[in-house]
Amino acid sequence: MTSNKAIIVASFGTSYNETRAKTIDRIEQDIADSFPDWDVRRAFTSRMIIRKLEKRDGLKIDYIDEAIERLIDEGYTEVIIQPTLVMNGVEYEDIYHISHRYKGSFDRMSIGTPLLSLERDFDEMTDIIINEFRDESKGVCGNDSALVLMGHGTEHYANGAFPELQLKLFLSGCKDVVITTVEGFPGFKDLEKMVGDIECKDVALLPLMLVAGDHAINDMAGDEPDSLKSILEGLGYDVHPIIKGIAEYESVRRMFVRHVREAMES
């Protein structure tokens, strides 16, 4: 222990080591560099991924309660828990409720917010999409192209983050970027209506997810008939998947650093 203060960076996790190094590792490192007086620890919220990594790679990663109890045992007195989630869904509620069981164990505990929480977050992400994601997609498939962003989605009411972000893009004059989700609204079945008014032949795909793991490789860019790529090809588009988690963008990682700072100040 180098201090009595720690930041737990709580991620869903991924079993893809290469994308983890480009995304989760870099978020944690950026947070460590920004707050050198705080120790940074890792926790995953997916028990399935935790079990898989331990069995396959011998890599032990704490679940959220294990990470907190480890800090208690080691004598930490101040704790920030920062989720690397996109929205305030079921996983954030789990982090919040589990963490609150331990509030009396520390002099101070604060919980940061997911990527898209406050109005400022949506405005900042809109700018990033327009100025970075869209520019990169046009570099891949030309100026006369569209970009489809694929989020995970959920039945939880927090899924409203995706339609709000879509409306922010539309009101910003950005008509060639469409957001869809694997498990929420708007879904793949809505794509034909959403891209129909965009005059283009080429479409780039990018996961609106922190890491480019199983969903990006299979649901987005796979060759199965129900993948996002196959559906768009069936509509007559030339499709160009970009296998890149959004945490590979420094601007997105800076948003999480800001959220940590805000948790410290709250």
C-alpha atoms as a PDB file:
ATOM      1  CA  MET A   1       0.000   0.000   0.000  1.00  0.00           C
ATOM      2  CA  THR A   2       1.488   3.334  -1.069  1.00  0.00           C
ATOM      3  CA  SER A   3      -1.356   5.474   0.352  1.00  0.00           C
ATOM      4  CA  ASN A   4      -4.549   5.123   2.345  1.00  0.00           C
ATOM      5  CA  LYS A   5      -6.631   6.073  -0.718  1.00  0.00           C
ATOM      6  CA  ALA A   6      -7.736   3.764  -3.531  1.00  0.00           C
ATOM      7  CA  ILE A   7      -9.786   3.868  -6.725  1.00  0.00           C
ATOM      8  CA  ILE A   8     -11.526   0.667  -7.790  1.00  0.00           C
ATOM      9  CA  VAL A   9     -12.068   0.710 -11.558  1.00  0.00           C
ATOM     10  CA  ALA A  10     -15.074  -1.570 -12.026  1.00  0.00           C
ATOM     11  CA  SER A  11     -15.483  -2.933 -15.564  1.00  0.00           C
ATOM     12  CA  PHE A  12     -17.787  -5.560 -17.029  1.00  0.00           C
ATOM     13  CA  GLY A  13     -14.642  -7.266 -18.276  1.00  0.00           C
ATOM     14  CA  THR A  14     -13.596  -9.169 -21.382  1.00  0.00           C
ATOM     15  CA  SER A  15     -11.915 -12.487 -22.075  1.00  0.00           C
ATOM     16  CA  TYR A  16     -10.177 -11.017 -25.153  1.00  0.00           C
ATOM     17  CA  ASN A  17      -6.731 -10.160 -23.827  1.00  0.00           C
ATOM     18  CA  GLU A  18      -5.710  -7.990 -26.766  1.00  0.00           C
ATOM     19  CA  THR A  19      -8.702  -5.665 -26.572  1.00  0.00           C
ATOM     20  CA  ARG A  20      -8.452  -5.565 -22.757  1.00  0.00           C
ATOM     21  CA  ALA A  21      -4.907  -4.228 -23.088  1.00  0.00           C
ATOM     22  CA  LYS A  22      -6.130  -1.482 -25.442  1.00  0.00           C
ATOM     23  CA  THR A  23      -9.153  -0.465 -23.379  1.00  0.00           C
ATOM     24  CA  ILE A  24      -9.581  -1.444 -19.724  1.00  0.00           C
ATOM     25  CA  ASP A  25      -5.835  -1.420 -19.052  1.00  0.00           C
ATOM     26  CA  ARG A  26      -5.538   2.043 -20.597  1.00  0.00           C
ATOM     27  CA  ILE A  27      -8.480   3.466 -18.649  1.00  0.00           C
ATOM     28  CA  GLU A  28      -6.896   2.213 -15.433  1.00  0.00           C
ATOM     29  CA  GLN A  29      -3.505   3.626 -16.413  1.00  0.00           C
ATOM     30  CA  ASP A  30      -4.954   7.028 -17.352  1.00  0.00           C
ATOM     31  CA  ILE A  31      -6.726   7.180 -13.991  1.00  0.00           C
ATOM     32  CA  ALA A  32      -3.517   6.175 -12.180  1.00  0.00           C
ATOM     33  CA  ASP A  33      -1.531   8.838 -14.056  1.00  0.00           C
ATOM     34  CA  SER A  34      -4.157  11.498 -13.290  1.00  0.00           C
ATOM     35  CA  PHE A  35      -4.349  10.718  -9.560  1.00  0.00           C
ATOM     36  CA  PRO A  36      -0.852   9.642  -8.475  1.00  0.00           C
ATOM     37  CA  ASP A  37      -1.725   9.904  -4.759  1.00  0.00           C
ATOM     38  CA  TRP A  38      -4.349   7.166  -5.144  1.00  0.00           C
ATOM     39  CA  ASP A  39      -3.773   3.449  -5.637  1.00  0.00           C
ATOM     40  CA  VAL A  40      -5.783   1.943  -8.513  1.00  0.00           C
ATOM     41  CA  ARG A  41      -7.374  -1.510  -8.278  1.00  0.00           C
ATOM     42  CA  ARG A  42      -9.362  -3.587 -10.771  1.00  0.00           C
ATOM     43  CA  ALA A  43     -12.723  -5.302 -10.399  1.00  0.00           C
ATOM     44  CA  PHE A  44     -14.963  -7.006 -12.964  1.00  0.00           C
ATOM     45  CA  THR A  45     -18.744  -7.272 -12.728  1.00  0.00           C
ATOM     46  CA  SER A  46     -19.064 -10.390 -14.926  1.00  0.00           C
ATOM     47  CA  ARG A  47     -18.552 -13.497 -12.819  1.00  0.00           C
ATOM     48  CA  MET A  48     -18.562 -15.562 -16.022  1.00  0.00           C
ATOM     49  CA  ILE A  49     -15.563 -13.665 -17.391  1.00  0.00           C
ATOM     50  CA  ILE A  50     -13.816 -13.803 -13.998  1.00  0.00           C
ATOM     51  CA  ARG A  51     -14.194 -17.611 -13.946  1.00  0.00           C
ATOM     52  CA  LYS A  52     -13.100 -17.980 -17.558  1.00  0.00           C
ATOM     53  CA  LEU A  53      -9.928 -15.919 -17.111  1.00  0.00           C
ATOM     54  CA  GLU A  54      -8.970 -17.781 -13.950  1.00  0.00           C
ATOM     55  CA  LYS A  55      -9.519 -21.192 -15.537  1.00  0.00           C
ATOM     56  CA  ARG A  56      -7.968 -20.374 -18.930  1.00  0.00           C
ATOM     57  CA  ASP A  57      -5.158 -17.985 -18.005  1.00  0.00           C
ATOM     58  CA  GLY A  58      -4.700 -18.383 -14.257  1.00  0.00           C
ATOM     59  CA  LEU A  59      -5.621 -14.703 -13.971  1.00  0.00           C
ATOM     60  CA  LYS A  60      -7.481 -13.834 -10.748  1.00  0.00           C
ATOM     61  CA  ILE A  61      -9.669 -10.730 -10.926  1.00  0.00           C
ATOM     62  CA  ASP A  62     -11.852  -9.594  -8.049  1.00  0.00           C
ATOM     63  CA  TYR A  63     -15.605  -9.190  -8.162  1.00  0.00           C
ATOM     64  CA  ILE A  64     -16.700  -5.836  -6.751  1.00  0.00           C
ATOM     65  CA  ASP A  65     -17.261  -7.058  -3.170  1.00  0.00           C
ATOM     66  CA  GLU A  66     -13.932  -8.901  -3.152  1.00  0.00           C
ATOM     67  CA  ALA A  67     -12.087  -5.765  -4.271  1.00  0.00           C
ATOM     68  CA  ILE A  68     -13.739  -3.702  -1.528  1.00  0.00           C
ATOM     69  CA  GLU A  69     -13.052  -6.286   1.190  1.00  0.00           C
ATOM     70  CA  ARG A  70      -9.420  -6.451   0.095  1.00  0.00           C
ATOM     71  CA  LEU A  71      -9.120  -2.690   0.668  1.00  0.00           C
ATOM     72  CA  ILE A  72     -10.701  -3.050   4.106  1.00  0.00           C
ATOM     73  CA  ASP A  73      -8.193  -5.773   5.035  1.00  0.00           C
ATOM     74  CA  GLU A  74      -5.313  -3.612   3.813  1.00  0.00           C
ATOM     75  CA  GLY A  75      -6.378  -0.583   5.865  1.00  0.00           C
ATOM     76  CA  TYR A  76      -7.557   1.858   3.226  1.00  0.00           C
ATOM     77  CA  THR A  77      -9.670   4.736   4.537  1.00  0.00           C
ATOM     78  CA  GLU A  78     -10.801   6.552   1.362  1.00  0.00           C
ATOM     79  CA  VAL A  79     -12.283   4.754  -1.643  1.00  0.00           C
ATOM     80  CA  ILE A  80     -13.646   5.825  -5.026  1.00  0.00           C
ATOM     81  CA  ILE A  81     -15.450   3.227  -7.122  1.00  0.00           C
ATOM     82  CA  GLN A  82     -15.517   4.202 -10.786  1.00  0.00           C
ATOM     83  CA  PRO A  83     -17.572   2.064 -13.203  1.00  0.00           C
ATOM     84  CA  THR A  84     -16.476   1.893 -16.826  1.00  0.00           C
ATOM     85  CA  LEU A  85     -20.036   1.208 -17.947  1.00  0.00           C
ATOM     86  CA  VAL A  86     -21.700   3.088 -20.803  1.00  0.00           C
ATOM     87  CA  MET A  87     -25.021   3.688 -19.032  1.00  0.00           C
ATOM     88  CA  ASN A  88     -26.769   3.455 -15.657  1.00  0.00           C
ATOM     89  CA  GLY A  89     -28.285   0.003 -16.080  1.00  0.00           C
ATOM     90  CA  VAL A  90     -28.529  -3.164 -14.006  1.00  0.00           C
ATOM     91  CA  GLU A  91     -24.755  -3.545 -13.622  1.00  0.00           C
ATOM     92  CA  TYR A  92     -24.438  -0.018 -12.235  1.00  0.00           C
ATOM     93  CA  GLU A  93     -27.254  -0.719  -9.784  1.00  0.00           C
ATOM     94  CA  ASP A  94     -25.395  -3.861  -8.647  1.00  0.00           C
ATOM     95  CA  ILE A  95     -22.187  -1.867  -8.127  1.00  0.00           C
ATOM     96  CA  TYR A  96     -24.087   0.823  -6.258  1.00  0.00           C
ATOM     97  CA  HIS A  97     -25.972  -1.504  -3.908  1.00  0.00           C
ATOM     98  CA  ILE A  98     -23.011  -3.790  -3.192  1.00  0.00           C
ATOM     99  CA  SER A  99     -20.750  -0.795  -2.500  1.00  0.00           C
ATOM    100  CA  HIS A 100     -23.223   0.830  -0.144  1.00  0.00           C
ATOM    101  CA  ARG A 101     -23.088  -2.216   2.139  1.00  0.00           C
ATOM    102  CA  TYR A 102     -19.506  -1.191   2.920  1.00  0.00           C
ATOM    103  CA  LYS A 103     -19.897   2.572   3.378  1.00  0.00           C
ATOM    104  CA  GLY A 104     -19.375   2.305   7.141  1.00  0.00           C
ATOM    105  CA  SER A 105     -16.061   0.529   6.599  1.00  0.00           C
ATOM    106  CA  PHE A 106     -14.282   3.634   5.312  1.00  0.00           C
ATOM    107  CA  ASP A 107     -13.900   7.248   6.378  1.00  0.00           C
ATOM    108  CA  ARG A 108     -15.103   8.147   2.916  1.00  0.00           C
ATOM    109  CA  MET A 109     -16.538   6.288  -0.061  1.00  0.00           C
ATOM    110  CA  SER A 110     -17.813   7.761  -3.337  1.00  0.00           C
ATOM    111  CA  ILE A 111     -19.203   6.069  -6.426  1.00  0.00           C
ATOM    112  CA  GLY A 112     -18.542   7.578  -9.836  1.00  0.00           C
ATOM    113  CA  THR A 113     -21.054   7.603 -12.666  1.00  0.00           C
ATOM    114  CA  PRO A 114     -21.080   5.657 -15.963  1.00  0.00           C
ATOM    115  CA  LEU A 115     -20.026   7.231 -19.240  1.00  0.00           C
ATOM    116  CA  LEU A 116     -23.462   8.596 -20.205  1.00  0.00           C
ATOM    117  CA  SER A 117     -25.082   9.972 -17.072  1.00  0.00           C
ATOM    118  CA  LEU A 118     -25.430  13.770 -17.102  1.00  0.00           C
ATOM    119  CA  GLU A 119     -26.369  16.117 -19.949  1.00  0.00           C
ATOM    120  CA  ARG A 120     -22.748  17.193 -20.191  1.00  0.00           C
ATOM    121  CA  ASP A 121     -21.772  13.583 -20.889  1.00  0.00           C
ATOM    122  CA  PHE A 122     -24.191  13.287 -23.798  1.00  0.00           C
ATOM    123  CA  ASP A 123     -22.983  16.573 -25.287  1.00  0.00           C
ATOM    124  CA  GLU A 124     -19.347  15.518 -24.970  1.00  0.00           C
ATOM    125  CA  MET A 125     -19.997  12.106 -26.495  1.00  0.00           C
ATOM    126  CA  THR A 126     -21.919  13.718 -29.363  1.00  0.00           C
ATOM    127  CA  ASP A 127     -18.860  15.842 -30.161  1.00  0.00           C
ATOM    128  CA  ILE A 128     -16.581  12.796 -29.981  1.00  0.00           C
ATOM    129  CA  ILE A 129     -18.820  10.832 -32.346  1.00  0.00           C
ATOM    130  CA  ILE A 130     -18.970  13.661 -34.868  1.00  0.00           C
ATOM    131  CA  ASN A 131     -15.329  14.723 -34.732  1.00  0.00           C
ATOM    132  CA  GLU A 132     -13.566  11.415 -34.136  1.00  0.00           C
ATOM    133  CA  PHE A 133     -15.689   8.317 -34.760  1.00  0.00           C
ATOM    134  CA  ARG A 134     -17.296   9.708 -37.916  1.00  0.00           C
ATOM    135  CA  ASP A 135     -14.014  11.110 -39.256  1.00  0.00           C
ATOM    136  CA  GLU A 136     -12.329   7.752 -38.774  1.00  0.00           C
ATOM    137  CA  SER A 137     -15.198   5.918 -40.474  1.00  0.00           C
ATOM    138  CA  LYS A 138     -15.026   8.233 -43.481  1.00  0.00           C
ATOM    139  CA  GLY A 139     -11.292   7.610 -43.657  1.00  0.00           C
ATOM    140  CA  VAL A 140     -12.120   3.911 -43.938  1.00  0.00           C
ATOM    141  CA  CYS A 141     -14.921   4.046 -46.525  1.00  0.00           C
ATOM    142  CA  GLY A 142     -15.046   7.574 -47.983  1.00  0.00           C
ATOM    143  CA  ASN A 143     -16.956  10.795 -47.393  1.00  0.00           C
ATOM    144  CA  ASP A 144     -20.176   9.537 -48.994  1.00  0.00           C
ATOM    145  CA  SER A 145     -20.776   6.914 -46.331  1.00  0.00           C
ATOM    146  CA  ALA A 146     -22.731   6.325 -43.143  1.00  0.00           C
ATOM    147  CA  LEU A 147     -21.629   5.193 -39.718  1.00  0.00           C
ATOM    148  CA  VAL A 148     -23.645   2.712 -37.652  1.00  0.00           C
ATOM    149  CA  LEU A 149     -22.769   2.555 -33.962  1.00  0.00           C
ATOM    150  CA  MET A 150     -23.773  -0.631 -32.146  1.00  0.00           C
ATOM    151  CA  GLY A 151     -24.462  -0.452 -28.422  1.00  0.00           C
ATOM    152  CA  HIS A 152     -25.330  -3.394 -26.207  1.00  0.00           C
ATOM    153  CA  GLY A 153     -28.776  -2.202 -25.148  1.00  0.00           C
ATOM    154  CA  THR A 154     -31.030  -3.497 -22.391  1.00  0.00           C
ATOM    155  CA  GLU A 155     -34.663  -3.787 -21.306  1.00  0.00           C
ATOM    156  CA  HIS A 156     -33.756  -1.542 -18.361  1.00  0.00           C
ATOM    157  CA  TYR A 157     -35.050   2.046 -18.625  1.00  0.00           C
ATOM    158  CA  ALA A 158     -31.418   3.201 -18.859  1.00  0.00           C
ATOM    159  CA  ASN A 159     -31.567   2.065 -22.500  1.00  0.00           C
ATOM    160  CA  GLY A 160     -33.029   5.537 -23.153  1.00  0.00           C
ATOM    161  CA  ALA A 161     -29.423   6.738 -23.297  1.00  0.00           C
ATOM    162  CA  PHE A 162     -29.181   5.449 -26.881  1.00  0.00           C
ATOM    163  CA  PRO A 163     -32.235   7.263 -28.340  1.00  0.00           C
ATOM    164  CA  GLU A 164     -31.143  10.418 -26.494  1.00  0.00           C
ATOM    165  CA  LEU A 165     -27.688  10.221 -28.031  1.00  0.00           C
ATOM    166  CA  GLN A 166     -29.251   9.631 -31.465  1.00  0.00           C
ATOM    167  CA  LEU A 167     -31.438  12.721 -31.042  1.00  0.00           C
ATOM    168  CA  LYS A 168     -28.427  14.766 -29.929  1.00  0.00           C
ATOM    169  CA  LEU A 169     -26.643  13.762 -33.140  1.00  0.00           C
ATOM    170  CA  PHE A 170     -29.673  14.621 -35.263  1.00  0.00           C
ATOM    171  CA  LEU A 171     -30.106  18.051 -33.649  1.00  0.00           C
ATOM    172  CA  SER A 172     -26.391  18.701 -34.150  1.00  0.00           C
ATOM    173  CA  GLY A 173     -26.936  18.319 -37.908  1.00  0.00           C
ATOM    174  CA  CYS A 174     -25.303  14.891 -38.023  1.00  0.00           C
ATOM    175  CA  LYS A 175     -27.654  12.860 -40.228  1.00  0.00           C
ATOM    176  CA  ASP A 176     -25.237  10.141 -41.386  1.00  0.00           C
ATOM    177  CA  VAL A 177     -24.674   8.417 -38.025  1.00  0.00           C
ATOM    178  CA  VAL A 178     -27.161   5.807 -36.794  1.00  0.00           C
ATOM    179  CA  ILE A 179     -27.237   4.086 -33.402  1.00  0.00           C
ATOM    180  CA  THR A 180     -28.566   0.563 -32.972  1.00  0.00           C
ATOM    181  CA  THR A 181     -28.371  -1.997 -30.154  1.00  0.00           C
ATOM    182  CA  VAL A 182     -28.020  -5.738 -29.780  1.00  0.00           C
ATOM    183  CA  GLU A 183     -30.596  -6.141 -26.999  1.00  0.00           C
ATOM    184  CA  GLY A 184     -32.475  -2.840 -26.752  1.00  0.00           C
ATOM    185  CA  PHE A 185     -34.102  -0.079 -28.774  1.00  0.00           C
ATOM    186  CA  PRO A 186     -33.471   0.814 -31.516  1.00  0.00           C
ATOM    187  CA  GLY A 187     -32.701  -2.723 -32.608  1.00  0.00           C
ATOM    188  CA  PHE A 188     -31.388  -4.317 -35.782  1.00  0.00           C
ATOM    189  CA  LYS A 189     -34.957  -4.613 -37.104  1.00  0.00           C
ATOM    190  CA  ASP A 190     -35.174  -0.810 -37.141  1.00  0.00           C
ATOM    191  CA  LEU A 191     -32.093  -0.350 -39.320  1.00  0.00           C
ATOM    192  CA  GLU A 192     -33.788  -0.253 -42.725  1.00  0.00           C
ATOM    193  CA  LYS A 193     -35.911   2.733 -41.709  1.00  0.00           C
ATOM    194  CA  MET A 194     -33.031   4.464 -39.950  1.00  0.00           C
ATOM    195  CA  VAL A 195     -30.492   4.276 -42.775  1.00  0.00           C
ATOM    196  CA  GLY A 196     -33.004   4.531 -45.621  1.00  0.00           C
ATOM    197  CA  ASP A 197     -32.794   8.325 -45.952  1.00  0.00           C
ATOM    198  CA  ILE A 198     -28.975   8.353 -46.051  1.00  0.00           C
ATOM    199  CA  GLU A 199     -27.765   8.465 -49.646  1.00  0.00           C
ATOM    200  CA  CYS A 200     -24.731   6.215 -49.532  1.00  0.00           C
ATOM    201  CA  LYS A 201     -23.409   2.882 -50.684  1.00  0.00           C
ATOM    202  CA  ASP A 202     -20.835   2.295 -47.967  1.00  0.00           C
ATOM    203  CA  VAL A 203     -21.481   1.858 -44.251  1.00  0.00           C
ATOM    204  CA  ALA A 204     -18.889   1.650 -41.485  1.00  0.00           C
ATOM    205  CA  LEU A 205     -19.669  -0.228 -38.267  1.00  0.00           C
ATOM    206  CA  LEU A 206     -18.221   0.629 -34.873  1.00  0.00           C
ATOM    207  CA  PRO A 207     -19.155  -0.850 -31.478  1.00  0.00           C
ATOM    208  CA  LEU A 208     -20.498   1.735 -29.037  1.00  0.00           C
ATOM    209  CA  MET A 209     -18.914  -0.387 -26.333  1.00  0.00           C
ATOM    210  CA  LEU A 210     -15.825   0.059 -24.195  1.00  0.00           C
ATOM    211  CA  VAL A 211     -14.178  -3.077 -25.552  1.00  0.00           C
ATOM    212  CA  ALA A 212     -14.348  -4.799 -28.930  1.00  0.00           C
ATOM    213  CA  GLY A 213     -15.095  -8.277 -27.640  1.00  0.00           C
ATOM    214  CA  ASP A 214     -17.578 -11.005 -28.490  1.00  0.00           C
ATOM    215  CA  HIS A 215     -20.438  -8.665 -29.422  1.00  0.00           C
ATOM    216  CA  ALA A 216     -18.248  -6.659 -31.801  1.00  0.00           C
ATOM    217  CA  ILE A 217     -16.675  -9.705 -33.418  1.00  0.00           C
ATOM    218  CA  ASN A 218     -19.845 -11.781 -33.761  1.00  0.00           C
ATOM    219  CA  ASP A 219     -23.034  -9.697 -33.411  1.00  0.00           C
ATOM    220  CA  MET A 220     -21.592  -6.734 -35.298  1.00  0.00           C
ATOM    221  CA  ALA A 221     -19.022  -8.059 -37.766  1.00  0.00           C
ATOM    222  CA  GLY A 222     -19.802 -11.783 -37.976  1.00  0.00           C
ATOM    223  CA  ASP A 223     -20.938 -13.670 -41.054  1.00  0.00           C
ATOM    224  CA  GLU A 224     -24.060 -15.182 -39.467  1.00  0.00           C
ATOM    225  CA  PRO A 225     -27.303 -14.060 -41.182  1.00  0.00           C
ATOM    226  CA  ASP A 226     -28.493 -12.172 -38.073  1.00  0.00           C
ATOM    227  CA  SER A 227     -25.303 -10.148 -37.592  1.00  0.00           C
ATOM    228  CA  LEU A 228     -25.358  -6.388 -38.134  1.00  0.00           C
ATOM    229  CA  LYS A 229     -22.967  -6.747 -41.067  1.00  0.00           C
ATOM    230  CA  SER A 230     -25.083  -9.396 -42.787  1.00  0.00           C
ATOM    231  CA  ILE A 231     -28.331  -7.454 -42.297  1.00  0.00           C
ATOM    232  CA  LEU A 232     -26.858  -4.313 -43.856  1.00  0.00           C
ATOM    233  CA  GLU A 233     -25.323  -6.293 -46.710  1.00  0.00           C
ATOM    234  CA  GLY A 234     -28.780  -7.752 -47.280  1.00  0.00           C
ATOM    235  CA  LEU A 235     -30.055  -4.181 -47.648  1.00  0.00           C
ATOM    236  CA  GLY A 236     -27.502  -3.612 -50.419  1.00  0.00           C
ATOM    237  CA  TYR A 237     -24.721  -1.763 -48.560  1.00  0.00           C
ATOM    238  CA  ASP A 238     -20.983  -2.367 -48.715  1.00  0.00           C
ATOM    239  CA  VAL A 239     -20.126  -2.814 -45.045  1.00  0.00           C
ATOM    240  CA  HIS A 240     -16.819  -1.993 -43.356  1.00  0.00           C
ATOM    241  CA  PRO A 241     -16.547  -3.138 -39.701  1.00  0.00           C
ATOM    242  CA  ILE A 242     -14.106  -1.294 -37.443  1.00  0.00           C
ATOM    243  CA  ILE A 243     -13.147  -3.641 -34.596  1.00  0.00           C
ATOM    244  CA  LYS A 244     -12.249  -1.016 -32.016  1.00  0.00           C
ATOM    245  CA  GLY A 245     -13.636  -0.429 -28.547  1.00  0.00           C
ATOM    246  CA  ILE A 246     -14.452   3.195 -27.793  1.00  0.00           C
ATOM    247  CA  ALA A 247     -12.066   3.156 -24.810  1.00  0.00           C
ATOM    248  CA  GLU A 248      -9.274   3.062 -27.382  1.00  0.00           C
ATOM    249  CA  TYR A 249     -10.067   6.745 -27.948  1.00  0.00           C
ATOM    250  CA  GLU A 250      -8.246   9.006 -25.500  1.00  0.00           C
ATOM    251  CA  SER A 251     -11.175  11.440 -25.476  1.00  0.00           C
ATOM    252  CA  VAL A 252     -13.476   8.726 -24.095  1.00  0.00           C
ATOM    253  CA  ARG A 253     -10.951   7.754 -21.427  1.00  0.00           C
ATOM    254  CA  ARG A 254     -10.715  11.412 -20.412  1.00  0.00           C
ATOM    255  CA  MET A 255     -14.444  11.337 -19.684  1.00  0.00           C
ATOM    256  CA  PHE A 256     -13.886   8.577 -17.117  1.00  0.00           C
ATOM    257  CA  VAL A 257     -11.008  10.524 -15.571  1.00  0.00           C
ATOM    258  CA  ARG A 258     -13.382  13.480 -15.224  1.00  0.00           C
ATOM    259  CA  HIS A 259     -15.984  11.262 -13.586  1.00  0.00           C
ATOM    260  CA  VAL A 260     -13.411  10.112 -11.032  1.00  0.00           C
ATOM    261  CA  ARG A 261     -12.547  13.733 -10.269  1.00  0.00           C
ATOM    262  CA  GLU A 262     -16.225  14.580  -9.873  1.00  0.00           C
ATOM    263  CA  ALA A 263     -16.661  11.647  -7.468  1.00  0.00           C
ATOM    264  CA  MET A 264     -13.768  12.940  -5.399  1.00  0.00           C
ATOM    265  CA  GLU A 265     -15.319  16.392  -5.250  1.00  0.00           C
ATOM    266  CA  SER A 266     -18.850  15.209  -4.463  1.00  0.00           C
END
